Amino acid sequence: AFLDLTGPSEIKGVWKESTTLPCVYVPVEDFVQQMLKWIVVHDQSSGTVFRRDGSGDHILLSEYRGRVSVRKDTPGDVSLNILNLEVSDRGTYTCQVTWRASNNSLIAKEITSKVEVVKVAVTKPIVRAGELGLTVPAGARTSLTCMASGSPPISYRWFRSTPGGKGLLLSSQAELAWDSLQPSDAGKYYCEAENR
């Protein structure tokens, strides 16, 4: 278990969210990390995503600029964090670490993780009422907000129930707002949330 890298062989990341590709080792006293590389192989192409050496951190593939980082504050944790995961990020990622021993010899180890990007169905929405709640005096201004999570884009629709009929479409926004409520606005409202 001497200077071994550990991390999962497969990672499922959620599209448009951030994900971490773990790569961790236990530091050993006489060995100093010289170089860290994260290398990706996509369907058609490959390249070095990230390199850390004596001169600092370098992001070498432009499509990852501003989206990838490796922690600095935890010795031995060289996991790659990717923000705003794209479908094109899927592929095989190799974490490669080189150490220099006290006798100046070099040791290199690597592990590989396969990354899949998944899309998530929208959750059942929840409705958030405005500050006044669901019982509101006439003339007041209020709103109902429809909230759901899942892979973007999420579209929302607000309906008002009609007796014995189908809902009346009121809005295609997440928020349904009234400037001045009237008694005739009392009733049942529901929202739908949908993604691809």
N, C-alpha and C. Protein backbone atom coordinates (compact mmCIF):
# COMPACT_ATOMS: atom_id res chain seq x y z
N ALA A 1 0.83 -1.21 0.00
CA ALA A 1 0.00 0.00 0.00
C ALA A 1 0.86 1.25 0.00
N PHE A 2 2.08 1.12 -0.49
CA PHE A 2 3.03 2.22 -0.44
C PHE A 2 2.80 3.17 -1.61
N LEU A 3 2.45 4.43 -1.30
CA LEU A 3 2.17 5.44 -2.32
C LEU A 3 1.20 4.94 -3.39
N ASP A 4 0.14 4.26 -2.95
CA ASP A 4 -0.85 3.80 -3.92
C ASP A 4 -1.94 4.84 -4.08
N LEU A 5 -2.37 5.04 -5.31
CA LEU A 5 -3.49 5.94 -5.59
C LEU A 5 -4.79 5.15 -5.46
N THR A 6 -5.79 5.76 -4.83
CA THR A 6 -7.08 5.09 -4.76
C THR A 6 -8.16 6.01 -5.32
N GLY A 7 -9.14 5.38 -5.96
CA GLY A 7 -10.27 6.10 -6.54
C GLY A 7 -11.16 5.10 -7.23
N PRO A 8 -12.41 5.47 -7.53
CA PRO A 8 -13.35 4.52 -8.14
C PRO A 8 -13.02 4.29 -9.62
N SER A 9 -13.41 3.10 -10.11
CA SER A 9 -13.15 2.82 -11.53
C SER A 9 -14.23 3.41 -12.42
N GLU A 10 -15.40 3.74 -11.82
CA GLU A 10 -16.48 4.33 -12.61
C GLU A 10 -17.18 5.42 -11.83
N ILE A 11 -17.53 6.50 -12.51
CA ILE A 11 -18.22 7.62 -11.88
C ILE A 11 -19.37 8.03 -12.78
N LYS A 12 -20.55 8.20 -12.17
CA LYS A 12 -21.68 8.74 -12.91
C LYS A 12 -21.89 10.18 -12.44
N GLY A 13 -21.64 11.12 -13.32
CA GLY A 13 -21.85 12.52 -13.00
C GLY A 13 -23.16 12.99 -13.59
N VAL A 14 -23.77 13.97 -12.94
CA VAL A 14 -25.05 14.50 -13.42
C VAL A 14 -24.80 15.70 -14.33
N TRP A 15 -25.40 15.65 -15.51
CA TRP A 15 -25.27 16.72 -16.50
C TRP A 15 -25.57 18.07 -15.88
N LYS A 16 -24.71 19.05 -16.16
CA LYS A 16 -24.84 20.45 -15.71
C LYS A 16 -24.55 20.65 -14.22
N GLU A 17 -24.24 19.56 -13.49
CA GLU A 17 -23.86 19.73 -12.09
C GLU A 17 -22.35 19.55 -11.96
N SER A 18 -21.85 19.71 -10.73
CA SER A 18 -20.41 19.51 -10.55
C SER A 18 -20.17 18.08 -10.08
N THR A 19 -19.00 17.55 -10.40
CA THR A 19 -18.66 16.19 -9.98
C THR A 19 -17.18 16.14 -9.59
N THR A 20 -16.85 15.19 -8.73
CA THR A 20 -15.46 15.03 -8.29
C THR A 20 -14.97 13.66 -8.72
N LEU A 21 -13.78 13.64 -9.34
CA LEU A 21 -13.12 12.38 -9.70
C LEU A 21 -12.08 12.11 -8.63
N PRO A 22 -12.37 11.20 -7.67
CA PRO A 22 -11.45 11.01 -6.55
C PRO A 22 -10.13 10.37 -6.98
N CYS A 23 -9.05 10.89 -6.39
CA CYS A 23 -7.72 10.30 -6.56
C CYS A 23 -6.94 10.70 -5.30
N VAL A 24 -6.62 9.72 -4.46
CA VAL A 24 -6.07 10.01 -3.14
C VAL A 24 -4.92 9.06 -2.83
N TYR A 25 -3.89 9.56 -2.14
CA TYR A 25 -2.83 8.69 -1.63
C TYR A 25 -2.46 9.13 -0.22
N VAL A 26 -1.77 8.23 0.49
CA VAL A 26 -1.29 8.56 1.83
C VAL A 26 0.14 9.07 1.71
N PRO A 27 0.40 10.34 2.07
CA PRO A 27 1.75 10.88 1.92
C PRO A 27 2.78 10.08 2.72
N VAL A 28 3.96 9.95 2.14
CA VAL A 28 5.07 9.23 2.79
C VAL A 28 6.21 10.23 2.99
N GLU A 29 6.83 10.17 4.15
CA GLU A 29 7.75 11.23 4.59
C GLU A 29 8.84 11.59 3.58
N ASP A 30 9.56 10.61 3.06
CA ASP A 30 10.72 10.93 2.22
C ASP A 30 10.38 11.10 0.74
N PHE A 31 9.08 11.17 0.43
CA PHE A 31 8.69 11.29 -0.99
C PHE A 31 7.90 12.58 -1.19
N VAL A 32 8.35 13.38 -2.15
CA VAL A 32 7.73 14.68 -2.40
C VAL A 32 7.04 14.63 -3.77
N GLN A 33 5.78 15.06 -3.79
CA GLN A 33 5.05 15.07 -5.07
C GLN A 33 5.71 16.09 -6.01
N GLN A 34 6.11 15.60 -7.18
CA GLN A 34 6.75 16.45 -8.19
C GLN A 34 5.76 16.92 -9.24
N MET A 35 4.87 16.00 -9.61
CA MET A 35 4.00 16.29 -10.75
C MET A 35 2.69 15.54 -10.60
N LEU A 36 1.61 16.22 -10.93
CA LEU A 36 0.30 15.60 -11.00
C LEU A 36 -0.25 15.89 -12.39
N LYS A 37 -0.79 14.85 -13.02
CA LYS A 37 -1.44 15.05 -14.32
C LYS A 37 -2.79 14.36 -14.32
N TRP A 38 -3.78 15.03 -14.87
CA TRP A 38 -5.06 14.39 -15.17
C TRP A 38 -5.18 14.35 -16.69
N ILE A 39 -5.29 13.16 -17.23
CA ILE A 39 -5.32 12.96 -18.69
C ILE A 39 -6.69 12.38 -19.05
N VAL A 40 -7.29 12.86 -20.13
CA VAL A 40 -8.59 12.33 -20.54
C VAL A 40 -8.49 11.71 -21.93
N VAL A 41 -9.22 10.61 -22.12
CA VAL A 41 -9.38 10.02 -23.45
C VAL A 41 -10.87 10.03 -23.76
N HIS A 42 -11.25 10.85 -24.75
CA HIS A 42 -12.64 10.87 -25.23
C HIS A 42 -12.76 9.90 -26.39
N ASP A 43 -13.95 9.86 -26.99
CA ASP A 43 -14.16 8.97 -28.14
C ASP A 43 -13.13 9.23 -29.23
N GLN A 44 -12.93 10.50 -29.55
CA GLN A 44 -12.09 10.85 -30.71
C GLN A 44 -10.73 11.40 -30.32
N SER A 45 -10.62 11.98 -29.13
CA SER A 45 -9.41 12.74 -28.84
C SER A 45 -8.92 12.43 -27.43
N SER A 46 -7.69 12.87 -27.14
CA SER A 46 -7.17 12.74 -25.79
C SER A 46 -6.26 13.93 -25.51
N GLY A 47 -5.99 14.16 -24.23
CA GLY A 47 -5.11 15.27 -23.89
C GLY A 47 -4.99 15.41 -22.38
N THR A 48 -4.09 16.30 -21.96
CA THR A 48 -3.92 16.56 -20.54
C THR A 48 -4.88 17.67 -20.14
N VAL A 49 -5.78 17.35 -19.20
CA VAL A 49 -6.75 18.32 -18.72
C VAL A 49 -6.06 19.29 -17.77
N PHE A 50 -5.27 18.72 -16.83
CA PHE A 50 -4.73 19.50 -15.72
C PHE A 50 -3.32 19.01 -15.40
N ARG A 51 -2.42 19.95 -15.11
CA ARG A 51 -1.07 19.58 -14.68
C ARG A 51 -0.66 20.46 -13.51
N ARG A 52 -0.14 19.84 -12.46
CA ARG A 52 0.43 20.59 -11.34
C ARG A 52 1.89 20.20 -11.22
N ASP A 53 2.78 21.19 -11.30
CA ASP A 53 4.21 20.92 -11.16
C ASP A 53 4.82 22.07 -10.36
N GLY A 54 6.14 22.16 -10.39
CA GLY A 54 6.83 23.19 -9.61
C GLY A 54 6.41 24.61 -9.97
N SER A 55 5.89 24.80 -11.18
CA SER A 55 5.53 26.16 -11.61
C SER A 55 4.06 26.49 -11.36
N GLY A 56 3.31 25.54 -10.76
CA GLY A 56 1.91 25.85 -10.44
C GLY A 56 0.93 24.93 -11.13
N ASP A 57 -0.32 25.40 -11.20
CA ASP A 57 -1.42 24.64 -11.80
C ASP A 57 -1.67 25.13 -13.22
N HIS A 58 -1.86 24.18 -14.13
CA HIS A 58 -2.08 24.54 -15.54
C HIS A 58 -3.27 23.74 -16.07
N ILE A 59 -4.23 24.44 -16.70
CA ILE A 59 -5.34 23.77 -17.38
C ILE A 59 -5.03 23.84 -18.87
N LEU A 60 -4.83 22.66 -19.47
CA LEU A 60 -4.24 22.63 -20.81
C LEU A 60 -5.26 22.44 -21.93
N LEU A 61 -6.47 22.01 -21.60
CA LEU A 61 -7.49 21.88 -22.64
C LEU A 61 -8.50 23.00 -22.47
N SER A 62 -8.70 23.78 -23.53
CA SER A 62 -9.49 25.02 -23.40
C SER A 62 -10.93 24.75 -22.94
N GLU A 63 -11.51 23.58 -23.34
CA GLU A 63 -12.91 23.37 -22.97
C GLU A 63 -13.09 23.13 -21.46
N TYR A 64 -11.98 22.95 -20.74
CA TYR A 64 -12.07 22.77 -19.29
C TYR A 64 -11.69 24.04 -18.52
N ARG A 65 -11.26 25.08 -19.21
CA ARG A 65 -10.83 26.31 -18.51
C ARG A 65 -11.96 26.89 -17.69
N GLY A 66 -11.66 27.25 -16.45
CA GLY A 66 -12.67 27.82 -15.58
C GLY A 66 -13.62 26.78 -14.99
N ARG A 67 -13.42 25.50 -15.35
CA ARG A 67 -14.34 24.46 -14.87
C ARG A 67 -13.67 23.39 -14.04
N VAL A 68 -12.33 23.31 -14.06
CA VAL A 68 -11.67 22.25 -13.30
C VAL A 68 -10.69 22.80 -12.27
N SER A 69 -10.57 22.06 -11.17
CA SER A 69 -9.61 22.44 -10.13
C SER A 69 -9.24 21.20 -9.32
N VAL A 70 -8.10 21.30 -8.64
CA VAL A 70 -7.64 20.26 -7.72
C VAL A 70 -7.33 20.95 -6.40
N ARG A 71 -7.78 20.35 -5.29
CA ARG A 71 -7.55 20.98 -3.99
C ARG A 71 -6.07 21.12 -3.70
N LYS A 72 -5.73 22.18 -2.95
CA LYS A 72 -4.34 22.43 -2.58
C LYS A 72 -4.09 22.15 -1.10
N ASP A 73 -5.18 22.16 -0.31
CA ASP A 73 -4.99 22.21 1.14
C ASP A 73 -4.92 20.85 1.83
N THR A 74 -5.18 19.76 1.10
CA THR A 74 -5.17 18.45 1.73
C THR A 74 -4.08 17.58 1.11
N PRO A 75 -2.96 17.36 1.82
CA PRO A 75 -1.88 16.55 1.24
C PRO A 75 -2.39 15.16 0.88
N GLY A 76 -2.05 14.73 -0.34
CA GLY A 76 -2.46 13.40 -0.78
C GLY A 76 -3.80 13.36 -1.50
N ASP A 77 -4.59 14.45 -1.40
CA ASP A 77 -5.86 14.49 -2.12
C ASP A 77 -5.67 15.28 -3.42
N VAL A 78 -5.61 14.56 -4.53
CA VAL A 78 -5.38 15.21 -5.83
C VAL A 78 -6.59 14.98 -6.74
N SER A 79 -7.79 14.87 -6.10
CA SER A 79 -9.03 14.64 -6.85
C SER A 79 -9.33 15.82 -7.77
N LEU A 80 -9.90 15.50 -8.93
CA LEU A 80 -10.23 16.53 -9.92
C LEU A 80 -11.70 16.91 -9.77
N ASN A 81 -11.96 18.21 -9.60
CA ASN A 81 -13.34 18.69 -9.51
C ASN A 81 -13.72 19.34 -10.85
N ILE A 82 -14.85 18.92 -11.41
CA ILE A 82 -15.32 19.49 -12.68
C ILE A 82 -16.66 20.16 -12.42
N LEU A 83 -16.77 21.44 -12.80
CA LEU A 83 -18.03 22.17 -12.67
C LEU A 83 -18.83 22.06 -13.96
N ASN A 84 -20.16 22.19 -13.84
CA ASN A 84 -21.03 22.31 -15.00
C ASN A 84 -20.74 21.23 -16.04
N LEU A 85 -20.89 19.98 -15.61
CA LEU A 85 -20.53 18.81 -16.41
C LEU A 85 -21.27 18.80 -17.75
N GLU A 86 -20.53 18.62 -18.83
CA GLU A 86 -21.11 18.54 -20.17
C GLU A 86 -21.12 17.08 -20.63
N VAL A 87 -22.04 16.77 -21.55
CA VAL A 87 -22.07 15.40 -22.08
C VAL A 87 -20.74 15.07 -22.74
N SER A 88 -20.10 16.09 -23.35
CA SER A 88 -18.81 15.87 -24.02
C SER A 88 -17.67 15.59 -23.03
N ASP A 89 -17.91 15.74 -21.72
CA ASP A 89 -16.86 15.44 -20.74
C ASP A 89 -16.72 13.94 -20.48
N ARG A 90 -17.66 13.15 -20.98
CA ARG A 90 -17.57 11.72 -20.69
C ARG A 90 -16.33 11.14 -21.34
N GLY A 91 -15.76 10.13 -20.69
CA GLY A 91 -14.53 9.54 -21.21
C GLY A 91 -13.78 8.85 -20.09
N THR A 92 -12.53 8.51 -20.36
CA THR A 92 -11.68 7.82 -19.39
C THR A 92 -10.63 8.79 -18.89
N TYR A 93 -10.60 9.00 -17.57
CA TYR A 93 -9.70 9.97 -16.96
C TYR A 93 -8.61 9.22 -16.18
N THR A 94 -7.36 9.61 -16.41
CA THR A 94 -6.24 8.99 -15.70
C THR A 94 -5.60 10.02 -14.78
N CYS A 95 -5.45 9.63 -13.50
CA CYS A 95 -4.76 10.45 -12.51
C CYS A 95 -3.34 9.88 -12.40
N GLN A 96 -2.36 10.72 -12.67
CA GLN A 96 -0.96 10.26 -12.73
C GLN A 96 -0.11 11.14 -11.80
N VAL A 97 0.51 10.50 -10.81
CA VAL A 97 1.31 11.25 -9.84
C VAL A 97 2.76 10.76 -9.88
N THR A 98 3.69 11.72 -9.87
CA THR A 98 5.12 11.40 -9.83
C THR A 98 5.71 11.99 -8.55
N TRP A 99 6.44 11.14 -7.82
CA TRP A 99 7.11 11.60 -6.59
C TRP A 99 8.63 11.51 -6.76
N ARG A 100 9.33 12.39 -6.03
CA ARG A 100 10.79 12.31 -5.98
C ARG A 100 11.19 11.79 -4.60
N ALA A 101 12.03 10.75 -4.59
CA ALA A 101 12.49 10.17 -3.33
C ALA A 101 13.69 10.95 -2.81
N SER A 102 14.05 10.69 -1.54
CA SER A 102 15.18 11.42 -0.95
C SER A 102 16.50 11.12 -1.68
N ASN A 103 16.58 9.96 -2.36
CA ASN A 103 17.79 9.66 -3.15
C ASN A 103 17.67 10.16 -4.59
N ASN A 104 16.66 11.03 -4.84
CA ASN A 104 16.44 11.67 -6.14
C ASN A 104 15.84 10.77 -7.22
N SER A 105 15.54 9.52 -6.89
CA SER A 105 14.87 8.69 -7.90
C SER A 105 13.40 9.09 -7.98
N LEU A 106 12.76 8.79 -9.11
CA LEU A 106 11.36 9.15 -9.32
C LEU A 106 10.49 7.90 -9.31
N ILE A 107 9.30 8.05 -8.75
CA ILE A 107 8.30 6.97 -8.77
C ILE A 107 7.02 7.56 -9.35
N ALA A 108 6.38 6.82 -10.26
CA ALA A 108 5.12 7.29 -10.85
C ALA A 108 4.06 6.21 -10.68
N LYS A 109 2.84 6.66 -10.35
CA LYS A 109 1.71 5.73 -10.26
C LYS A 109 0.53 6.38 -10.98
N GLU A 110 -0.42 5.54 -11.43
CA GLU A 110 -1.62 6.10 -12.04
C GLU A 110 -2.83 5.21 -11.79
N ILE A 111 -4.01 5.83 -11.77
CA ILE A 111 -5.27 5.08 -11.75
C ILE A 111 -6.20 5.71 -12.78
N THR A 112 -7.15 4.91 -13.22
CA THR A 112 -8.05 5.35 -14.29
C THR A 112 -9.50 5.22 -13.85
N SER A 113 -10.30 6.23 -14.17
CA SER A 113 -11.74 6.21 -13.87
C SER A 113 -12.51 6.50 -15.14
N LYS A 114 -13.58 5.75 -15.34
CA LYS A 114 -14.45 5.99 -16.49
C LYS A 114 -15.60 6.89 -16.03
N VAL A 115 -15.83 7.95 -16.78
CA VAL A 115 -16.86 8.92 -16.39
C VAL A 115 -18.02 8.87 -17.38
N GLU A 116 -19.22 8.67 -16.83
CA GLU A 116 -20.45 8.75 -17.61
C GLU A 116 -21.20 10.01 -17.18
N VAL A 117 -21.91 10.62 -18.12
CA VAL A 117 -22.71 11.80 -17.80
C VAL A 117 -24.18 11.41 -17.95
N VAL A 118 -24.94 11.55 -16.86
CA VAL A 118 -26.33 11.12 -16.90
C VAL A 118 -27.25 12.34 -16.77
N LYS A 119 -28.42 12.20 -17.37
CA LYS A 119 -29.44 13.24 -17.24
C LYS A 119 -30.49 12.74 -16.26
N VAL A 120 -31.00 13.64 -15.43
CA VAL A 120 -31.89 13.26 -14.35
C VAL A 120 -33.29 13.79 -14.62
N ALA A 121 -34.28 12.90 -14.46
CA ALA A 121 -35.68 13.32 -14.65
C ALA A 121 -36.05 14.35 -13.58
N VAL A 122 -37.02 15.16 -13.92
CA VAL A 122 -37.45 16.21 -13.01
C VAL A 122 -38.17 15.59 -11.81
N THR A 123 -37.99 16.20 -10.63
CA THR A 123 -38.69 15.72 -9.44
C THR A 123 -40.12 16.24 -9.43
N LYS A 124 -40.94 15.65 -8.56
CA LYS A 124 -42.29 16.20 -8.35
C LYS A 124 -42.11 17.60 -7.77
N PRO A 125 -42.80 18.60 -8.33
CA PRO A 125 -42.55 19.97 -7.85
C PRO A 125 -43.16 20.22 -6.48
N ILE A 126 -42.58 21.17 -5.77
CA ILE A 126 -43.21 21.66 -4.54
C ILE A 126 -43.62 23.11 -4.79
N VAL A 127 -44.67 23.52 -4.09
CA VAL A 127 -45.19 24.88 -4.25
C VAL A 127 -44.82 25.68 -3.01
N ARG A 128 -44.24 26.84 -3.24
CA ARG A 128 -43.90 27.74 -2.14
C ARG A 128 -44.82 28.95 -2.21
N ALA A 129 -45.54 29.19 -1.11
CA ALA A 129 -46.45 30.35 -1.09
C ALA A 129 -45.66 31.60 -0.72
N GLY A 130 -46.22 32.76 -1.05
CA GLY A 130 -45.61 34.04 -0.66
C GLY A 130 -45.64 34.22 0.86
N GLU A 131 -45.13 35.36 1.33
CA GLU A 131 -45.02 35.62 2.77
C GLU A 131 -46.35 35.50 3.50
N LEU A 132 -47.44 35.83 2.82
CA LEU A 132 -48.76 35.85 3.48
C LEU A 132 -49.38 34.46 3.61
N GLY A 133 -48.74 33.45 2.99
CA GLY A 133 -49.29 32.10 3.05
C GLY A 133 -50.38 31.89 2.03
N LEU A 134 -51.28 30.94 2.32
CA LEU A 134 -52.30 30.56 1.35
C LEU A 134 -53.67 31.18 1.64
N THR A 135 -53.80 31.81 2.79
CA THR A 135 -55.04 32.56 3.09
C THR A 135 -54.67 34.03 3.11
N VAL A 136 -55.16 34.77 2.12
CA VAL A 136 -54.63 36.11 1.85
C VAL A 136 -55.78 37.11 1.81
N PRO A 137 -55.62 38.30 2.42
CA PRO A 137 -56.71 39.29 2.35
C PRO A 137 -56.87 39.85 0.94
N ALA A 138 -58.12 40.23 0.61
CA ALA A 138 -58.40 40.82 -0.70
C ALA A 138 -57.56 42.09 -0.87
N GLY A 139 -57.13 42.33 -2.10
CA GLY A 139 -56.34 43.52 -2.39
C GLY A 139 -54.85 43.34 -2.17
N ALA A 140 -54.46 42.24 -1.51
CA ALA A 140 -53.03 42.03 -1.23
C ALA A 140 -52.31 41.54 -2.49
N ARG A 141 -50.99 41.69 -2.45
CA ARG A 141 -50.21 41.16 -3.56
C ARG A 141 -49.49 39.92 -3.05
N THR A 142 -49.49 38.86 -3.86
CA THR A 142 -48.88 37.61 -3.41
C THR A 142 -48.44 36.79 -4.62
N SER A 143 -47.84 35.65 -4.33
CA SER A 143 -47.39 34.79 -5.43
C SER A 143 -47.30 33.34 -4.96
N LEU A 144 -47.28 32.46 -5.92
CA LEU A 144 -46.99 31.03 -5.69
C LEU A 144 -45.80 30.69 -6.58
N THR A 145 -44.85 29.95 -6.03
CA THR A 145 -43.67 29.57 -6.82
C THR A 145 -43.59 28.06 -6.91
N CYS A 146 -43.35 27.58 -8.11
CA CYS A 146 -43.24 26.15 -8.37
C CYS A 146 -41.75 25.79 -8.43
N MET A 147 -41.32 24.78 -7.66
CA MET A 147 -39.90 24.45 -7.61
C MET A 147 -39.70 22.95 -7.82
N ALA A 148 -38.74 22.61 -8.68
CA ALA A 148 -38.41 21.21 -8.91
C ALA A 148 -36.92 21.12 -9.21
N SER A 149 -36.35 19.91 -9.08
CA SER A 149 -34.95 19.74 -9.45
C SER A 149 -34.84 18.63 -10.49
N GLY A 150 -33.72 18.62 -11.21
CA GLY A 150 -33.48 17.67 -12.29
C GLY A 150 -32.60 18.33 -13.34
N SER A 151 -32.31 17.60 -14.40
CA SER A 151 -31.45 18.17 -15.44
C SER A 151 -32.15 19.32 -16.15
N PRO A 152 -31.45 20.43 -16.35
CA PRO A 152 -32.06 21.56 -17.07
C PRO A 152 -32.17 21.25 -18.57
N PRO A 153 -32.98 22.04 -19.30
CA PRO A 153 -33.86 23.08 -18.79
C PRO A 153 -35.15 22.48 -18.25
N ILE A 154 -35.68 23.09 -17.18
CA ILE A 154 -36.96 22.68 -16.61
C ILE A 154 -37.99 23.74 -16.98
N SER A 155 -39.13 23.30 -17.49
CA SER A 155 -40.19 24.27 -17.80
C SER A 155 -41.33 24.08 -16.80
N TYR A 156 -41.99 25.18 -16.50
CA TYR A 156 -43.07 25.17 -15.51
C TYR A 156 -44.35 25.67 -16.15
N ARG A 157 -45.49 25.15 -15.69
CA ARG A 157 -46.80 25.66 -16.13
C ARG A 157 -47.74 25.68 -14.93
N TRP A 158 -48.46 26.80 -14.79
CA TRP A 158 -49.45 26.94 -13.73
C TRP A 158 -50.85 26.82 -14.30
N PHE A 159 -51.71 26.07 -13.59
CA PHE A 159 -53.10 25.89 -14.01
C PHE A 159 -54.03 26.26 -12.85
N ARG A 160 -55.24 26.63 -13.22
CA ARG A 160 -56.29 26.77 -12.21
C ARG A 160 -57.31 25.68 -12.48
N SER A 161 -57.68 24.94 -11.43
CA SER A 161 -58.69 23.87 -11.58
C SER A 161 -60.04 24.49 -11.89
N THR A 162 -60.73 23.89 -12.84
CA THR A 162 -62.10 24.33 -13.11
C THR A 162 -63.03 23.17 -12.75
N PRO A 163 -64.19 23.46 -12.20
CA PRO A 163 -65.07 22.36 -11.73
C PRO A 163 -65.39 21.40 -12.87
N GLY A 164 -65.07 20.14 -12.65
CA GLY A 164 -65.40 19.11 -13.62
C GLY A 164 -64.68 19.21 -14.96
N GLY A 165 -63.87 20.24 -15.11
CA GLY A 165 -63.21 20.40 -16.41
C GLY A 165 -61.71 20.21 -16.27
N LYS A 166 -60.98 20.48 -17.34
CA LYS A 166 -59.53 20.40 -17.21
C LYS A 166 -58.98 21.76 -16.79
N GLY A 167 -57.74 21.74 -16.35
CA GLY A 167 -57.15 22.96 -15.81
C GLY A 167 -57.06 24.07 -16.84
N LEU A 168 -57.15 25.29 -16.36
CA LEU A 168 -57.01 26.47 -17.20
C LEU A 168 -55.57 26.95 -17.09
N LEU A 169 -54.86 26.99 -18.22
CA LEU A 169 -53.44 27.40 -18.20
C LEU A 169 -53.33 28.89 -17.91
N LEU A 170 -52.56 29.23 -16.88
CA LEU A 170 -52.43 30.63 -16.48
C LEU A 170 -51.07 31.22 -16.80
N SER A 171 -50.03 30.39 -16.74
CA SER A 171 -48.68 30.95 -16.84
C SER A 171 -47.69 29.86 -17.24
N SER A 172 -46.64 30.28 -17.93
CA SER A 172 -45.56 29.35 -18.26
C SER A 172 -44.27 29.76 -17.55
N GLN A 173 -44.43 30.36 -16.39
CA GLN A 173 -43.28 30.76 -15.56
C GLN A 173 -43.30 29.92 -14.28
N ALA A 174 -42.19 29.94 -13.56
CA ALA A 174 -42.15 29.23 -12.28
C ALA A 174 -43.01 29.95 -11.24
N GLU A 175 -43.17 31.27 -11.40
CA GLU A 175 -43.91 32.04 -10.41
C GLU A 175 -45.25 32.50 -10.97
N LEU A 176 -46.28 32.36 -10.15
CA LEU A 176 -47.60 32.87 -10.49
C LEU A 176 -47.88 34.00 -9.52
N ALA A 177 -48.06 35.23 -10.02
CA ALA A 177 -48.15 36.40 -9.13
C ALA A 177 -49.46 37.15 -9.34
N TRP A 178 -49.94 37.73 -8.25
CA TRP A 178 -51.12 38.61 -8.29
C TRP A 178 -50.74 39.95 -7.68
N ASP A 179 -51.09 41.04 -8.37
CA ASP A 179 -50.82 42.38 -7.82
C ASP A 179 -51.87 42.75 -6.78
N SER A 180 -53.12 42.38 -7.05
CA SER A 180 -54.20 42.72 -6.13
C SER A 180 -55.22 41.59 -6.17
N LEU A 181 -55.20 40.75 -5.15
CA LEU A 181 -56.07 39.58 -5.13
C LEU A 181 -57.53 39.97 -4.98
N GLN A 182 -58.38 39.27 -5.72
CA GLN A 182 -59.83 39.47 -5.62
C GLN A 182 -60.46 38.19 -5.05
N PRO A 183 -61.65 38.31 -4.42
CA PRO A 183 -62.32 37.10 -3.92
C PRO A 183 -62.49 36.03 -5.02
N SER A 184 -62.66 36.50 -6.26
CA SER A 184 -62.85 35.55 -7.37
C SER A 184 -61.57 34.74 -7.68
N ASP A 185 -60.42 35.17 -7.11
CA ASP A 185 -59.17 34.42 -7.33
C ASP A 185 -59.06 33.20 -6.42
N ALA A 186 -59.96 33.08 -5.43
CA ALA A 186 -59.92 31.92 -4.54
C ALA A 186 -60.17 30.66 -5.35
N GLY A 187 -59.48 29.59 -5.03
CA GLY A 187 -59.68 28.34 -5.76
C GLY A 187 -58.46 27.45 -5.66
N LYS A 188 -58.46 26.42 -6.50
CA LYS A 188 -57.37 25.46 -6.50
C LYS A 188 -56.46 25.71 -7.69
N TYR A 189 -55.16 25.79 -7.41
CA TYR A 189 -54.15 26.00 -8.44
C TYR A 189 -53.15 24.85 -8.38
N TYR A 190 -52.62 24.48 -9.53
CA TYR A 190 -51.57 23.45 -9.49
C TYR A 190 -50.52 23.77 -10.56
N CYS A 191 -49.34 23.22 -10.32
CA CYS A 191 -48.27 23.46 -11.30
C CYS A 191 -47.72 22.15 -11.81
N GLU A 192 -47.14 22.22 -12.99
CA GLU A 192 -46.46 21.08 -13.62
C GLU A 192 -45.03 21.50 -13.90
N ALA A 193 -44.11 20.56 -13.66
CA ALA A 193 -42.70 20.81 -14.00
C ALA A 193 -42.27 19.70 -14.97
N GLU A 194 -41.49 20.08 -15.98
CA GLU A 194 -41.15 19.11 -17.02
C GLU A 194 -39.73 19.41 -17.53
N ASN A 195 -38.97 18.33 -17.79
CA ASN A 195 -37.73 18.51 -18.54
C ASN A 195 -37.69 17.48 -19.66
N ARG A 196 -36.57 17.45 -20.39
CA ARG A 196 -36.54 16.57 -21.57
C ARG A 196 -36.57 15.10 -21.18
